Amino acid sequence: MGKRRRVVEGRSKRPAVVGGIVAVVVGGAGLGVYTLYGGGGASAEPRTTSGHKAVKTGPVSPIEVRTTAEKFLTAWQHGQVARAAAGTDDPTAATALLTGYTKDAHIKGVTLTEGTRKGARVPFSVKATVSYKGLTRPLSYDSSLTVVRAPGDGKPYVDWHSAVVHPDLADGDTLVTGASGTPPVTAYDRDGGKLTAARYPSLGTVLDGLREKFGKKAGGRAGIELRVVRGKKSTASDKTLAELSKGTPGRVDTTLSPTLQAAAERQVTRQKNASVVVMRPSTGEILAVANTSHGFNVAFQGSLAPGSTMKIVTSTMLFEKNLITPDASHPCPKTYKLAGWTFHNDDDSEIKKGTFKMAFGASCNNAFINFAPKLSASDLTKEAQQVYGLGLNNWAIGVPTFDGSVPVQSGAQMGASLIGQGGVRMNPLNMVSVASTVEAGVFHQPYLVSPKADGRTLAKAARTMSSKTQSELKDVMRYTAAYGTAAQAMSGLGPDYGAKTGSAEVDSQKKPNGWFTAYKGDLAAAGVVQAGGHGGDTAGPIVAALLKLGSG
């Protein structure tokens, strides 16, 4: 949700100065322009305009940061909501959340202790008590605020976001204490072991999602909790912050493998920002999911360009249209012009005399883009939807997911989509499903909880690839695993295997996102390492290690 800024007569909009640099912030409610604390001894200077009173401009000073923060925190601590909200740049939103902090969340006895200020940012600790119908629970956490200068009147204010009140709040979220509404659940792995976020840190959001989906169906009884209730526009699940009384949890059985889940948790720590999913191609059962970062489940809900791993879907389309076969001669030029764009291969490489299989194995872009004149704008979209079940927003795995997107595009954008750029968006769940569909020859929607648990219907593909197309796909993916860009990572895993690497360029990143999807027998895995570099070097070792463990 965009920030709602108060508009005060006489305030104008001017660029903010951050350490001497102009910064313009665009929010959902329009253009907000603020001045942050400037280092290097910069100070605020008054400005005058004809017929108007002088207004301070420039960075907020250290004393302004201190006094603004102290006034806000003191007013909040003493329950003076109107005074605290007036010290922010969005008093309407601040009033609503600070009022709810006491009225809806039932938080009392608040003590706020300011930490060491750093520029315009002021950290602080919160100690309080949650009290509801005779039940009490101590509450403590850390948060922070930032002081900015409003351009209209030149005064310093607290830059309002819901996260000021609690770091787990996004704008639009609220805090509520009461009967949880959704009873708790205890999730179990496929061997009957209890799944907890303490043991498997990546499962925190997954467990929240399982509770939201199955809490009222699993036979549990609600307890009394302080929880974050997400805003209407949020895709995240509600989150419990404190339990005042425990409910009786229901039971939810999952398809997760304790061995592979533990290994996946270890593997993603090898990279700064990695995500991975493991599944069983013959059934669709998800065996493991892990992310280096635990705040957002990129593995299930990420929306990223998949780079050259998308060439699996593109190749399926080309094989089905009889435009190429694996061993047919098909050069890959260094550059290719399409609709005013000039496309380049990685490192400006080229394959002058080679086969399509060699181009697939080397991940040579222009061997795919040069088919664009023979394709219609909707061909790739239809292939992804009809054969791979992607982009229809109908997967029902048991927790929230993003099911991929392959929009209809034309011209140069259509050419880019053939190599997983342009408007194409995927996550590791989508790409492990792609590899699994190749291995099994048919799309099996991934799932984390058996549909028998709640009678939900799993998504199905409109059609199945032919056995000839499957054989051709396995041929090029096996070649890639044995001799191509995936060979180093997949060494020792053959011969019943296949793989595809990918590197997706992202604006503002020095290194591309590295992708890797592969199968070994009836086991498939896919991963991405954001801003890590080439997929064979980054995500490849993670995926290969899990395939080796699971098929050993």
Protein backbone atom coordinates (compact mmCIF):
# COMPACT_ATOMS: atom_id res chain seq x y z
CA MET A 1 0.00 0.00 0.00
CA GLY A 2 1.35 3.43 -0.90
CA LYS A 3 2.05 5.83 1.95
CA ARG A 4 -0.63 8.41 2.60
CA ARG A 5 1.10 11.74 3.27
CA ARG A 6 -0.57 14.58 5.08
CA VAL A 7 -0.90 17.72 3.02
CA VAL A 8 -0.53 20.94 4.99
CA GLU A 9 -1.24 24.35 3.53
CA GLY A 10 1.99 26.03 2.62
CA ARG A 11 3.99 22.80 2.11
CA SER A 12 5.51 22.48 -1.35
CA LYS A 13 7.21 19.50 -2.94
CA ARG A 14 10.96 19.72 -3.42
CA PRO A 15 13.62 17.08 -3.98
CA ALA A 16 15.13 15.68 -0.79
CA VAL A 17 18.85 15.95 -0.16
CA VAL A 18 20.54 12.78 1.08
CA GLY A 19 24.14 13.49 1.97
CA GLY A 20 24.23 16.11 -0.76
CA ILE A 21 22.37 13.93 -3.32
CA VAL A 22 18.88 14.71 -4.55
CA ALA A 23 16.43 11.88 -3.86
CA VAL A 24 12.84 11.71 -5.08
CA VAL A 25 10.60 9.06 -3.53
CA VAL A 26 7.56 7.84 -5.44
CA GLY A 27 4.85 6.18 -3.37
CA GLY A 28 1.47 4.68 -4.23
CA ALA A 29 -0.26 7.94 -3.37
CA GLY A 30 1.87 10.05 -5.69
CA LEU A 31 5.12 11.92 -5.37
CA GLY A 32 6.56 12.33 -1.90
CA VAL A 33 9.72 14.36 -1.53
CA TYR A 34 11.64 14.45 1.73
CA THR A 35 14.96 15.56 3.12
CA LEU A 36 16.98 13.04 5.09
CA TYR A 37 19.92 13.55 7.41
CA GLY A 38 23.05 14.60 5.54
CA GLY A 39 26.52 13.54 6.57
CA GLY A 40 29.67 15.54 6.31
CA GLY A 41 28.44 18.29 8.60
CA ALA A 42 25.73 19.55 6.23
CA SER A 43 23.19 21.80 7.93
CA ALA A 44 19.70 23.06 7.18
CA GLU A 45 19.43 26.47 5.60
CA PRO A 46 16.34 28.70 5.51
CA ARG A 47 14.97 29.64 2.12
CA THR A 48 12.61 32.47 1.33
CA THR A 49 10.25 33.07 -1.52
CA SER A 50 8.55 36.29 -2.42
CA GLY A 51 5.87 37.04 0.15
CA HIS A 52 6.51 33.90 2.19
CA LYS A 53 8.14 33.16 5.52
CA ALA A 54 11.60 31.57 5.45
CA VAL A 55 11.46 27.77 5.39
CA LYS A 56 14.31 25.48 6.35
CA THR A 57 15.74 23.25 3.66
CA GLY A 58 18.60 20.82 3.51
CA PRO A 59 19.33 17.77 5.67
CA VAL A 60 17.87 17.43 9.15
CA SER A 61 20.40 18.28 11.83
CA PRO A 62 21.47 15.94 14.64
CA ILE A 63 19.54 18.01 17.18
CA GLU A 64 16.41 17.86 15.01
CA VAL A 65 16.75 14.09 14.78
CA ARG A 66 17.12 13.83 18.55
CA THR A 67 14.25 16.13 19.51
CA THR A 68 11.84 14.75 16.89
CA ALA A 69 12.52 11.16 17.91
CA GLU A 70 12.28 11.94 21.63
CA LYS A 71 8.98 13.78 21.26
CA PHE A 72 7.45 10.96 19.22
CA LEU A 73 8.68 8.14 21.47
CA THR A 74 7.70 9.97 24.65
CA ALA A 75 4.19 10.66 23.39
CA TRP A 76 3.75 7.07 22.23
CA GLN A 77 5.03 5.68 25.55
CA HIS A 78 2.53 7.82 27.48
CA GLY A 79 -0.38 6.86 25.27
CA GLN A 80 -0.68 10.34 23.76
CA VAL A 81 -1.67 9.10 20.32
CA ALA A 82 -2.66 12.45 18.81
CA ARG A 83 0.61 14.08 19.87
CA ALA A 84 2.71 11.15 18.64
CA ALA A 85 0.88 11.02 15.30
CA ALA A 86 1.27 14.78 14.82
CA GLY A 87 5.03 14.26 14.88
CA THR A 88 4.86 12.04 11.77
CA ASP A 89 4.46 12.86 8.10
CA ASP A 90 1.28 10.74 7.92
CA PRO A 91 -0.77 11.51 11.05
CA THR A 92 -3.91 9.77 9.78
CA ALA A 93 -2.21 6.41 9.29
CA ALA A 94 -0.15 6.85 12.47
CA THR A 95 -3.26 7.62 14.53
CA ALA A 96 -5.05 4.52 13.27
CA LEU A 97 -2.17 2.14 13.99
CA LEU A 98 -1.15 3.64 17.33
CA THR A 99 -4.79 3.60 18.48
CA GLY A 100 -5.09 -0.03 17.42
CA TYR A 101 -1.86 -0.81 19.27
CA THR A 102 -3.75 -0.28 22.53
CA LYS A 103 -7.35 -0.91 21.55
CA ASP A 104 -7.02 -3.92 19.22
CA ALA A 105 -3.67 -5.41 20.17
CA HIS A 106 -4.27 -4.78 23.91
CA ILE A 107 -0.66 -3.75 24.49
CA LYS A 108 -0.09 -1.81 27.71
CA GLY A 109 2.74 -0.63 29.94
CA VAL A 110 4.89 0.42 27.01
CA THR A 111 8.50 1.37 27.67
CA LEU A 112 10.51 2.70 24.73
CA THR A 113 14.28 2.96 25.02
CA GLU A 114 16.19 4.87 22.39
CA GLY A 115 19.36 3.31 21.01
CA THR A 116 22.38 4.91 19.36
CA ARG A 117 21.33 7.22 16.57
CA LYS A 118 23.00 6.87 13.18
CA GLY A 119 22.32 9.82 10.96
CA ALA A 120 18.58 10.23 10.57
CA ARG A 121 17.85 6.68 11.74
CA VAL A 122 16.98 6.12 15.40
CA PRO A 123 16.77 2.53 16.69
CA PHE A 124 14.75 1.82 19.82
CA SER A 125 13.65 -1.12 21.93
CA VAL A 126 10.11 -1.86 23.06
CA LYS A 127 9.07 -3.56 26.29
CA ALA A 128 5.38 -3.94 27.05
CA THR A 129 2.67 -6.31 28.22
CA VAL A 130 -0.07 -7.89 26.16
CA SER A 131 -3.17 -8.17 28.34
CA TYR A 132 -6.43 -9.79 27.22
CA LYS A 133 -9.31 -11.08 29.37
CA GLY A 134 -7.17 -11.92 32.37
CA LEU A 135 -4.30 -13.33 30.33
CA THR A 136 -0.97 -11.50 30.14
CA ARG A 137 2.25 -11.98 28.25
CA PRO A 138 5.42 -9.86 28.25
CA LEU A 139 6.41 -8.47 24.85
CA SER A 140 9.77 -7.13 23.74
CA TYR A 141 11.25 -6.34 20.35
CA ASP A 142 13.45 -3.83 18.51
CA SER A 143 12.39 -1.29 15.90
CA SER A 144 13.58 1.98 14.38
CA LEU A 145 12.40 5.26 12.90
CA THR A 146 13.82 7.77 10.44
CA VAL A 147 13.48 11.56 10.65
CA VAL A 148 12.86 13.54 7.45
CA ARG A 149 12.26 17.18 6.62
CA ALA A 150 8.93 18.08 5.03
CA PRO A 151 9.47 20.39 2.05
CA GLY A 152 6.40 22.55 2.66
CA ASP A 153 7.03 23.87 6.17
CA GLY A 154 10.63 22.74 6.55
CA LYS A 155 9.93 20.97 9.83
CA PRO A 156 11.35 17.56 10.82
CA TYR A 157 8.93 14.64 11.10
CA VAL A 158 9.06 10.89 11.69
CA ASP A 159 8.91 9.19 8.29
CA TRP A 160 5.82 7.08 8.89
CA HIS A 161 5.65 3.40 8.03
CA SER A 162 3.81 0.67 9.93
CA ALA A 163 7.19 -0.97 10.56
CA VAL A 164 7.97 1.84 13.02
CA VAL A 165 5.43 0.25 15.38
CA HIS A 166 6.64 -3.31 14.78
CA PRO A 167 9.24 -4.55 12.24
CA ASP A 168 6.94 -7.38 11.06
CA LEU A 169 4.29 -4.90 9.93
CA ALA A 170 4.02 -3.78 6.32
CA ASP A 171 1.98 -0.71 5.44
CA GLY A 172 -1.68 -1.71 5.62
CA ASP A 173 -1.14 -4.45 8.22
CA THR A 174 -2.61 -4.29 11.73
CA LEU A 175 -1.95 -5.82 15.15
CA VAL A 176 -4.73 -7.77 16.85
CA THR A 177 -4.95 -9.77 20.08
CA GLY A 178 -7.76 -12.26 20.59
CA ALA A 179 -8.93 -15.70 19.64
CA SER A 180 -6.74 -16.51 16.67
CA GLY A 181 -9.68 -17.27 14.43
CA THR A 182 -7.58 -19.85 12.67
CA PRO A 183 -6.62 -22.70 15.02
CA PRO A 184 -2.94 -23.64 15.13
CA VAL A 185 -1.61 -26.64 13.29
CA THR A 186 1.34 -28.93 13.73
CA ALA A 187 2.88 -29.93 10.42
CA TYR A 188 4.64 -33.24 9.91
CA ASP A 189 7.08 -34.48 7.30
CA ARG A 190 6.48 -37.57 5.17
CA ASP A 191 8.09 -39.76 7.86
CA GLY A 192 5.93 -38.41 10.69
CA GLY A 193 8.47 -36.01 12.17
CA LYS A 194 7.37 -32.61 13.46
CA LEU A 195 8.26 -29.63 11.27
CA THR A 196 9.26 -26.44 13.07
CA ALA A 197 10.86 -23.18 11.97
CA ALA A 198 13.46 -23.63 14.70
CA ARG A 199 14.70 -26.81 13.05
CA TYR A 200 14.02 -25.77 9.45
CA PRO A 201 14.29 -21.95 9.25
CA SER A 202 13.05 -21.76 5.65
CA LEU A 203 9.70 -23.22 6.64
CA GLY A 204 8.54 -20.24 8.72
CA THR A 205 6.39 -18.76 5.95
CA VAL A 206 5.36 -22.23 4.80
CA LEU A 207 4.08 -23.14 8.26
CA ASP A 208 2.18 -19.84 8.44
CA GLY A 209 0.61 -20.68 5.10
CA LEU A 210 -0.34 -24.19 6.17
CA ARG A 211 -2.07 -22.82 9.23
CA GLU A 212 -3.98 -20.27 7.16
CA LYS A 213 -5.09 -22.92 4.67
CA PHE A 214 -5.78 -25.89 6.93
CA GLY A 215 -6.23 -24.48 10.45
CA LYS A 216 -10.01 -24.63 10.36
CA LYS A 217 -10.04 -28.05 8.70
CA ALA A 218 -7.42 -29.91 10.71
CA GLY A 219 -9.41 -30.38 13.93
CA GLY A 220 -7.63 -27.87 16.18
CA ARG A 221 -8.94 -25.25 18.60
CA ALA A 222 -7.95 -21.60 18.48
CA GLY A 223 -5.84 -20.02 21.21
CA ILE A 224 -5.40 -16.37 22.27
CA GLU A 225 -2.65 -14.64 20.31
CA LEU A 226 -1.10 -11.34 19.36
CA ARG A 227 -0.78 -11.53 15.62
CA VAL A 228 -0.12 -9.50 12.49
CA VAL A 229 -3.22 -9.34 10.31
CA ARG A 230 -2.13 -8.62 6.76
CA GLY A 231 -3.64 -5.86 4.66
CA LYS A 232 -5.99 -6.59 1.78
CA LYS A 233 -3.28 -6.12 -0.85
CA SER A 234 -0.75 -8.37 0.87
CA THR A 235 0.10 -11.84 -0.43
CA ALA A 236 1.76 -12.83 2.85
CA SER A 237 0.10 -14.94 5.53
CA ASP A 238 -0.89 -13.60 8.96
CA LYS A 239 1.83 -14.06 11.55
CA THR A 240 1.66 -14.92 15.26
CA LEU A 241 3.89 -12.70 17.43
CA ALA A 242 2.97 -13.99 20.89
CA GLU A 243 0.73 -16.65 22.42
CA LEU A 244 -1.23 -15.79 25.56
CA SER A 245 -2.87 -19.21 25.67
CA LYS A 246 -2.14 -22.15 23.49
CA GLY A 247 -4.84 -23.57 21.32
CA THR A 248 -5.08 -27.22 20.44
CA PRO A 249 -3.25 -27.72 17.15
CA GLY A 250 -4.66 -29.77 14.33
CA ARG A 251 -2.45 -32.10 12.32
CA VAL A 252 -1.26 -31.43 8.77
CA ASP A 253 0.82 -34.05 6.98
CA THR A 254 3.15 -32.82 4.24
CA THR A 255 5.20 -34.44 1.50
CA LEU A 256 8.49 -32.98 2.74
CA SER A 257 11.45 -35.30 3.19
CA PRO A 258 13.29 -34.62 6.47
CA THR A 259 16.60 -35.66 4.92
CA LEU A 260 16.26 -33.48 1.83
CA GLN A 261 14.77 -30.54 3.76
CA ALA A 262 17.69 -30.52 6.19
CA ALA A 263 20.14 -30.77 3.29
CA ALA A 264 18.39 -27.97 1.38
CA GLU A 265 18.63 -25.72 4.44
CA ARG A 266 22.38 -26.35 4.54
CA GLN A 267 22.89 -25.93 0.81
CA VAL A 268 21.28 -22.49 0.50
CA THR A 269 23.68 -21.12 3.11
CA ARG A 270 26.45 -21.60 0.52
CA GLN A 271 25.21 -18.50 -1.30
CA LYS A 272 24.09 -15.07 -0.16
CA ASN A 273 20.63 -15.17 -1.74
CA ALA A 274 19.70 -18.68 -2.85
CA SER A 275 16.41 -20.56 -3.18
CA VAL A 276 15.76 -24.19 -4.12
CA VAL A 277 12.89 -26.68 -4.51
CA VAL A 278 13.04 -30.47 -4.83
CA MET A 279 10.13 -32.58 -6.13
CA ARG A 280 9.14 -36.04 -7.37
CA PRO A 281 8.35 -35.83 -11.13
CA SER A 282 6.11 -38.92 -11.22
CA THR A 283 3.74 -37.60 -8.54
CA GLY A 284 4.28 -33.86 -8.04
CA GLU A 285 5.21 -34.29 -4.36
CA ILE A 286 7.40 -31.46 -3.06
CA LEU A 287 10.26 -32.94 -1.05
CA ALA A 288 12.14 -29.82 0.06
CA VAL A 289 12.03 -26.02 -0.15
CA ALA A 290 14.64 -23.62 1.21
CA ASN A 291 15.70 -19.97 0.98
CA THR A 292 18.76 -18.21 2.33
CA SER A 293 16.52 -15.34 3.38
CA HIS A 294 13.53 -16.29 5.52
CA GLY A 295 11.37 -13.19 5.24
CA PHE A 296 9.84 -13.96 1.83
CA ASN A 297 9.49 -17.35 0.18
CA VAL A 298 11.22 -16.70 -3.15
CA ALA A 299 11.20 -20.42 -3.90
CA PHE A 300 7.38 -20.51 -4.05
CA GLN A 301 6.35 -16.89 -4.53
CA GLY A 302 9.24 -15.21 -6.31
CA SER A 303 8.69 -13.56 -9.70
CA LEU A 304 12.01 -13.48 -11.53
CA ALA A 305 13.16 -13.76 -15.15
CA PRO A 306 14.31 -17.40 -15.49
CA GLY A 307 16.92 -16.77 -18.15
CA SER A 308 18.01 -19.68 -20.29
CA THR A 309 16.21 -22.33 -18.23
CA MET A 310 13.16 -21.10 -20.21
CA LYS A 311 14.80 -22.58 -23.32
CA ILE A 312 13.35 -25.91 -22.20
CA VAL A 313 9.84 -24.58 -22.87
CA THR A 314 11.01 -22.83 -26.04
CA SER A 315 12.59 -26.06 -27.31
CA THR A 316 9.39 -27.98 -26.57
CA MET A 317 7.54 -25.55 -28.81
CA LEU A 318 10.16 -25.78 -31.59
CA PHE A 319 10.19 -29.58 -31.51
CA GLU A 320 6.40 -29.80 -31.54
CA LYS A 321 6.22 -27.44 -34.52
CA ASN A 322 8.86 -29.53 -36.33
CA LEU A 323 11.01 -26.43 -36.77
CA ILE A 324 14.15 -28.22 -35.56
CA THR A 325 15.50 -31.51 -34.24
CA PRO A 326 18.38 -31.97 -31.78
CA ASP A 327 20.91 -33.11 -34.36
CA ALA A 328 19.89 -30.76 -37.15
CA SER A 329 22.48 -28.23 -38.28
CA HIS A 330 21.68 -24.87 -36.74
CA PRO A 331 24.30 -22.13 -36.37
CA CYS A 332 24.24 -19.63 -33.54
CA PRO A 333 25.42 -16.24 -34.81
CA LYS A 334 27.30 -13.83 -32.57
CA THR A 335 24.58 -11.21 -32.99
CA TYR A 336 21.02 -11.25 -34.28
CA LYS A 337 18.82 -8.26 -35.13
CA LEU A 338 15.10 -8.39 -34.40
CA ALA A 339 12.65 -5.48 -34.51
CA GLY A 340 15.36 -2.89 -33.99
CA TRP A 341 17.17 -4.78 -31.23
CA THR A 342 20.56 -6.44 -31.55
CA PHE A 343 20.80 -9.58 -29.43
CA HIS A 344 24.18 -10.88 -28.22
CA ASN A 345 25.29 -14.22 -26.87
CA ASP A 346 27.07 -14.53 -23.55
CA ASP A 347 30.64 -13.27 -24.00
CA ASP A 348 29.77 -12.62 -27.68
CA SER A 349 30.31 -16.30 -28.42
CA GLU A 350 29.07 -18.01 -31.59
CA ILE A 351 28.68 -21.47 -33.08
CA LYS A 352 29.28 -21.27 -36.82
CA LYS A 353 28.88 -24.94 -37.63
CA GLY A 354 26.99 -26.95 -35.10
CA THR A 355 23.73 -28.63 -34.21
CA PHE A 356 20.77 -27.36 -32.24
CA LYS A 357 21.76 -29.73 -29.44
CA MET A 358 25.17 -28.06 -29.24
CA ALA A 359 23.54 -24.64 -29.09
CA PHE A 360 21.19 -25.82 -26.32
CA GLY A 361 24.10 -27.30 -24.38
CA ALA A 362 26.14 -24.11 -24.74
CA SER A 363 23.06 -21.99 -23.98
CA CYS A 364 23.66 -19.95 -27.13
CA ASN A 365 20.91 -17.33 -27.19
CA ASN A 366 20.68 -16.48 -30.87
CA ALA A 367 20.06 -20.09 -31.86
CA PHE A 368 16.65 -19.59 -30.23
CA ILE A 369 15.94 -15.95 -31.01
CA ASN A 370 16.46 -16.49 -34.74
CA PHE A 371 13.31 -18.64 -34.79
CA ALA A 372 11.21 -15.58 -33.87
CA PRO A 373 10.17 -14.73 -37.46
CA LYS A 374 8.59 -18.20 -37.75
CA LEU A 375 6.52 -17.83 -34.58
CA SER A 376 3.36 -15.97 -33.63
CA ALA A 377 3.25 -13.69 -30.59
CA SER A 378 1.17 -16.18 -28.56
CA ASP A 379 3.03 -19.42 -29.38
CA LEU A 380 5.28 -19.46 -26.31
CA THR A 381 2.44 -18.44 -24.00
CA LYS A 382 0.26 -21.29 -25.28
CA GLU A 383 3.10 -23.81 -24.95
CA ALA A 384 3.80 -22.80 -21.34
CA GLN A 385 0.13 -22.93 -20.38
CA GLN A 386 -1.05 -25.98 -22.30
CA VAL A 387 1.90 -28.36 -21.76
CA TYR A 388 3.55 -27.08 -18.56
CA GLY A 389 0.53 -25.66 -16.70
CA LEU A 390 2.29 -22.33 -16.20
CA GLY A 391 0.81 -18.86 -15.96
CA LEU A 392 -2.80 -19.87 -15.25
CA ASN A 393 -2.80 -18.97 -11.54
CA ASN A 394 -4.54 -22.22 -10.60
CA TRP A 395 -1.96 -24.28 -8.74
CA ALA A 396 -3.18 -25.51 -5.35
CA ILE A 397 -0.11 -26.85 -3.57
CA GLY A 398 -1.38 -26.13 -0.05
CA VAL A 399 0.27 -22.72 0.54
CA PRO A 400 0.38 -19.49 -1.50
CA THR A 401 2.39 -19.64 -4.74
CA PHE A 402 3.18 -17.65 -7.85
CA ASP A 403 2.50 -19.93 -10.80
CA GLY A 404 4.66 -18.27 -13.43
CA SER A 405 3.87 -15.74 -16.14
CA VAL A 406 4.52 -15.94 -19.87
CA PRO A 407 2.70 -12.98 -21.39
CA VAL A 408 1.94 -12.64 -25.08
CA GLN A 409 4.63 -10.38 -26.52
CA SER A 410 5.66 -9.29 -29.97
CA GLY A 411 8.75 -8.01 -31.77
CA ALA A 412 11.97 -7.83 -29.81
CA GLN A 413 10.20 -8.59 -26.52
CA MET A 414 8.93 -11.85 -27.97
CA GLY A 415 12.50 -12.67 -29.00
CA ALA A 416 13.69 -11.93 -25.47
CA SER A 417 10.98 -14.15 -23.99
CA LEU A 418 12.35 -17.13 -25.95
CA ILE A 419 15.46 -16.98 -23.76
CA GLY A 420 13.61 -16.30 -20.49
CA GLN A 421 13.91 -12.53 -20.45
CA GLY A 422 11.37 -9.90 -21.53
CA GLY A 423 8.19 -10.30 -19.49
CA VAL A 424 8.67 -13.96 -18.54
CA ARG A 425 8.67 -14.52 -14.76
CA MET A 426 9.25 -17.72 -12.79
CA ASN A 427 10.51 -19.09 -9.47
CA PRO A 428 12.27 -22.35 -8.50
CA LEU A 429 8.91 -24.10 -7.94
CA ASN A 430 7.89 -23.31 -11.52
CA MET A 431 11.21 -24.39 -12.99
CA VAL A 432 11.46 -27.64 -11.03
CA SER A 433 8.00 -28.41 -12.39
CA VAL A 434 9.30 -27.77 -15.93
CA ALA A 435 12.17 -30.23 -15.48
CA SER A 436 9.79 -32.72 -13.86
CA THR A 437 7.38 -32.47 -16.79
CA VAL A 438 10.20 -33.34 -19.18
CA GLU A 439 11.28 -36.30 -17.07
CA ALA A 440 7.76 -37.67 -16.58
CA GLY A 441 6.42 -36.68 -20.00
CA VAL A 442 3.33 -35.16 -18.38
CA PHE A 443 2.62 -32.21 -16.07
CA HIS A 444 1.96 -33.19 -12.46
CA GLN A 445 1.08 -30.11 -10.44
CA PRO A 446 3.49 -29.81 -7.50
CA TYR A 447 1.90 -30.16 -4.08
CA LEU A 448 3.00 -29.90 -0.47
CA VAL A 449 -0.12 -31.40 1.11
CA SER A 450 -2.06 -34.25 -0.47
CA PRO A 451 -5.31 -33.10 -2.09
CA LYS A 452 -7.02 -35.85 -0.09
CA ALA A 453 -6.55 -33.70 3.02
CA ASP A 454 -9.13 -31.15 1.93
CA GLY A 455 -10.58 -32.40 -1.33
CA ARG A 456 -9.03 -29.68 -3.47
CA THR A 457 -8.51 -30.25 -7.18
CA LEU A 458 -4.99 -30.10 -8.56
CA ALA A 459 -4.32 -28.21 -11.78
CA LYS A 460 -3.93 -30.18 -14.99
CA ALA A 461 -2.33 -29.31 -18.31
CA ALA A 462 -4.54 -29.04 -21.38
CA ARG A 463 -2.39 -31.50 -23.32
CA THR A 464 0.62 -33.76 -23.04
CA MET A 465 3.77 -33.58 -25.12
CA SER A 466 4.31 -36.43 -27.55
CA SER A 467 6.76 -39.21 -26.73
CA LYS A 468 8.89 -37.96 -29.66
CA THR A 469 9.09 -34.46 -28.17
CA GLN A 470 9.89 -35.85 -24.73
CA SER A 471 12.69 -37.95 -26.22
CA GLU A 472 14.12 -34.90 -28.00
CA LEU A 473 14.00 -32.81 -24.84
CA LYS A 474 15.71 -35.51 -22.80
CA ASP A 475 18.37 -35.75 -25.50
CA VAL A 476 19.31 -32.05 -25.34
CA MET A 477 19.08 -31.90 -21.54
CA ARG A 478 21.21 -35.03 -21.16
CA TYR A 479 23.78 -33.53 -23.52
CA THR A 480 23.84 -30.33 -21.44
CA ALA A 481 24.37 -32.33 -18.24
CA ALA A 482 27.15 -34.40 -19.79
CA TYR A 483 28.97 -31.92 -22.04
CA GLY A 484 27.37 -28.49 -21.79
CA THR A 485 27.13 -25.67 -19.28
CA ALA A 486 25.77 -28.02 -16.59
CA ALA A 487 28.51 -30.64 -16.92
CA GLN A 488 30.69 -29.55 -14.03
CA ALA A 489 27.84 -29.44 -11.51
CA MET A 490 26.23 -32.69 -12.75
CA SER A 491 29.48 -34.67 -12.91
CA GLY A 492 29.00 -38.25 -11.68
CA LEU A 493 25.18 -38.16 -11.71
CA GLY A 494 24.53 -39.75 -15.13
CA PRO A 495 23.39 -41.35 -17.26
CA ASP A 496 19.64 -41.01 -16.44
CA TYR A 497 19.80 -37.26 -16.00
CA GLY A 498 19.24 -33.92 -17.68
CA ALA A 499 19.86 -30.28 -16.85
CA LYS A 500 19.67 -26.69 -18.03
CA THR A 501 21.48 -23.62 -16.76
CA GLY A 502 20.38 -20.01 -16.94
CA SER A 503 21.68 -16.52 -16.31
CA ALA A 504 19.11 -13.73 -16.19
CA GLU A 505 20.27 -10.15 -16.56
CA VAL A 506 18.66 -7.72 -14.12
CA ASP A 507 18.89 -3.93 -14.33
CA SER A 508 21.02 -2.41 -11.55
CA GLN A 509 22.71 -5.75 -10.74
CA LYS A 510 26.40 -6.20 -11.54
CA LYS A 511 25.93 -9.96 -11.78
CA PRO A 512 23.00 -11.88 -13.27
CA ASN A 513 20.66 -14.17 -11.38
CA GLY A 514 21.98 -17.71 -11.77
CA TRP A 515 19.46 -20.50 -12.47
CA PHE A 516 19.76 -24.28 -12.63
CA THR A 517 17.09 -26.95 -13.12
CA ALA A 518 17.76 -30.65 -13.45
CA TYR A 519 16.50 -34.18 -12.87
CA LYS A 520 18.13 -37.46 -11.93
CA GLY A 521 15.77 -40.41 -12.34
CA ASP A 522 12.52 -39.70 -10.50
CA LEU A 523 13.92 -36.70 -8.66
CA ALA A 524 14.10 -33.10 -9.84
CA ALA A 525 15.41 -29.87 -8.34
CA ALA A 526 15.65 -26.23 -9.37
CA GLY A 527 17.32 -23.24 -7.80
CA VAL A 528 18.22 -19.61 -8.28
CA VAL A 529 20.97 -17.49 -6.76
CA GLN A 530 20.11 -13.82 -7.10
CA ALA A 531 22.94 -11.55 -8.25
CA GLY A 532 25.32 -14.48 -7.97
CA GLY A 533 26.53 -15.00 -11.53
CA HIS A 534 26.21 -17.90 -13.96
CA GLY A 535 23.80 -20.64 -12.95
CA GLY A 536 26.21 -23.50 -13.50
CA ASP A 537 28.59 -22.01 -10.95
CA THR A 538 26.07 -20.78 -8.35
CA ALA A 539 22.76 -22.65 -8.28
CA GLY A 540 24.20 -25.72 -10.02
CA PRO A 541 26.20 -27.13 -7.08
CA ILE A 542 23.19 -26.67 -4.76
CA VAL A 543 20.82 -28.53 -7.08
CA ALA A 544 23.33 -31.27 -7.90
CA ALA A 545 24.11 -31.94 -4.24
CA LEU A 546 20.42 -32.48 -3.48
CA LEU A 547 19.94 -34.75 -6.50
CA LYS A 548 22.94 -36.79 -5.47
CA LEU A 549 21.65 -37.16 -1.91
CA GLY A 550 18.08 -37.94 -2.91
CA SER A 551 18.92 -40.49 -5.56
CA GLY A 552 21.75 -42.16 -3.73
